[in-house]
């Protein structure tokens, strides 16, 4: 699998949009993919922290259950 294909799979951005960036080599696509993965991971951590902060009124033992009820 090429780096552009990995980037398309991870980012869900259409291949045509990524190809519109112009001629990039595999290394440049790898850098874009790595940056996207870091941003995705950071977003997930921040979202989880925000959810946990929002659930402070719920007892600590019940938070996992409340999280599942609200977000699944």
C-alpha atoms as a PDB file:
ATOM      1  CA  UNK A   1       0.000   0.000   0.000  1.00  0.00           C
ATOM      2  CA  UNK A   2       1.455   3.371  -0.969  1.00  0.00           C
ATOM      3  CA  UNK A   3       1.649   6.340   1.381  1.00  0.00           C
ATOM      4  CA  UNK A   4      -1.065   8.222  -0.514  1.00  0.00           C
ATOM      5  CA  UNK A   5      -3.396   5.239  -0.084  1.00  0.00           C
ATOM      6  CA  UNK A   6      -2.599   5.106   3.645  1.00  0.00           C
ATOM      7  CA  UNK A   7      -3.282   8.836   3.914  1.00  0.00           C
ATOM      8  CA  UNK A   8      -6.623   8.438   2.127  1.00  0.00           C
ATOM      9  CA  UNK A   9      -7.585   5.536   4.430  1.00  0.00           C
ATOM     10  CA  UNK A  10      -6.645   7.344   7.622  1.00  0.00           C
ATOM     11  CA  UNK A  11      -7.930  10.810   6.749  1.00  0.00           C
ATOM     12  CA  UNK A  12     -11.002   9.792   4.707  1.00  0.00           C
ATOM     13  CA  UNK A  13     -10.151  12.686   2.390  1.00  0.00           C
ATOM     14  CA  UNK A  14     -10.904  11.774  -1.239  1.00  0.00           C
ATOM     15  CA  UNK A  15      -7.821  10.774  -3.207  1.00  0.00           C
ATOM     16  CA  UNK A  16      -8.554  13.438  -5.819  1.00  0.00           C
ATOM     17  CA  UNK A  17      -8.306  16.155  -3.167  1.00  0.00           C
ATOM     18  CA  UNK A  18      -4.984  14.846  -1.926  1.00  0.00           C
ATOM     19  CA  UNK A  19      -3.663  14.538  -5.462  1.00  0.00           C
ATOM     20  CA  UNK A  20      -4.675  18.170  -6.035  1.00  0.00           C
ATOM     21  CA  UNK A  21      -1.799  19.126  -3.721  1.00  0.00           C
ATOM     22  CA  UNK A  22       0.492  18.452  -6.658  1.00  0.00           C
ATOM     23  CA  UNK A  23       3.390  16.111  -7.219  1.00  0.00           C
ATOM     24  CA  UNK A  24       4.552  14.868  -3.823  1.00  0.00           C
ATOM     25  CA  UNK A  25       6.928  12.011  -3.198  1.00  0.00           C
ATOM     26  CA  UNK A  26       6.235   9.116  -0.822  1.00  0.00           C
ATOM     27  CA  UNK A  27       8.188  10.799   1.976  1.00  0.00           C
ATOM     28  CA  UNK A  28       6.037  13.914   1.832  1.00  0.00           C
ATOM     29  CA  UNK A  29       2.860  11.813   1.925  1.00  0.00           C
ATOM     30  CA  UNK A  30       4.306   9.975   4.935  1.00  0.00           C
ATOM     31  CA  UNK A  31       4.864  13.297   6.709  1.00  0.00           C
ATOM     32  CA  UNK A  32       1.261  14.342   5.995  1.00  0.00           C
ATOM     33  CA  UNK A  33      -0.037  10.980   7.228  1.00  0.00           C
ATOM     34  CA  UNK A  34       2.009  11.190  10.432  1.00  0.00           C
ATOM     35  CA  UNK A  35       0.793  14.750  11.069  1.00  0.00           C
ATOM     36  CA  UNK A  36      -2.807  13.663  10.534  1.00  0.00           C
ATOM     37  CA  UNK A  37      -2.377  10.717  12.910  1.00  0.00           C
ATOM     38  CA  UNK A  38      -0.902  12.978  15.619  1.00  0.00           C
ATOM     39  CA  UNK A  39      -3.754  15.476  15.207  1.00  0.00           C
ATOM     40  CA  UNK A  40      -6.345  12.679  15.345  1.00  0.00           C
ATOM     41  CA  UNK A  41      -4.793  11.222  18.495  1.00  0.00           C
ATOM     42  CA  UNK A  42      -4.626  14.641  20.149  1.00  0.00           C
ATOM     43  CA  UNK A  43      -8.261  15.342  19.265  1.00  0.00           C
ATOM     44  CA  UNK A  44      -9.292  12.026  20.806  1.00  0.00           C
ATOM     45  CA  UNK A  45      -7.362  12.751  24.028  1.00  0.00           C
ATOM     46  CA  UNK A  46      -8.851  16.249  24.280  1.00  0.00           C
ATOM     47  CA  UNK A  47     -12.354  14.958  23.607  1.00  0.00           C
ATOM     48  CA  UNK A  48     -11.995  12.272  26.268  1.00  0.00           C
ATOM     49  CA  UNK A  49     -10.713  14.852  28.760  1.00  0.00           C
ATOM     50  CA  UNK A  50     -13.656  17.149  27.984  1.00  0.00           C
ATOM     51  CA  UNK A  51     -16.117  14.300  28.424  1.00  0.00           C
ATOM     52  CA  UNK A  52     -14.527  13.319  31.741  1.00  0.00           C
ATOM     53  CA  UNK A  53     -14.670  16.942  32.907  1.00  0.00           C
ATOM     54  CA  UNK A  54     -18.321  17.117  31.923  1.00  0.00           C
ATOM     55  CA  UNK A  55     -19.100  14.011  33.936  1.00  0.00           C
ATOM     56  CA  UNK A  56     -17.658  15.294  37.215  1.00  0.00           C
ATOM     57  CA  UNK A  57     -21.140  15.484  38.714  1.00  0.00           C
ATOM     58  CA  UNK A  58     -21.502  11.720  38.222  1.00  0.00           C
ATOM     59  CA  UNK A  59     -19.887   9.478  40.806  1.00  0.00           C
ATOM     60  CA  UNK A  60     -16.519   8.129  39.648  1.00  0.00           C
ATOM     61  CA  UNK A  61     -17.705   4.511  39.635  1.00  0.00           C
ATOM     62  CA  UNK A  62     -20.668   5.371  37.409  1.00  0.00           C
ATOM     63  CA  UNK A  63     -18.763   7.480  34.848  1.00  0.00           C
ATOM     64  CA  UNK A  64     -17.911   4.602  32.494  1.00  0.00           C
ATOM     65  CA  UNK A  65     -21.572   3.576  32.404  1.00  0.00           C
ATOM     66  CA  UNK A  66     -22.737   7.157  31.871  1.00  0.00           C
ATOM     67  CA  UNK A  67     -20.180   7.585  29.084  1.00  0.00           C
ATOM     68  CA  UNK A  68     -21.433   4.480  27.295  1.00  0.00           C
ATOM     69  CA  UNK A  69     -25.066   5.522  27.655  1.00  0.00           C
ATOM     70  CA  UNK A  70     -24.424   9.020  26.325  1.00  0.00           C
ATOM     71  CA  UNK A  71     -21.903   8.370  23.571  1.00  0.00           C
ATOM     72  CA  UNK A  72     -22.736   5.006  22.007  1.00  0.00           C
END
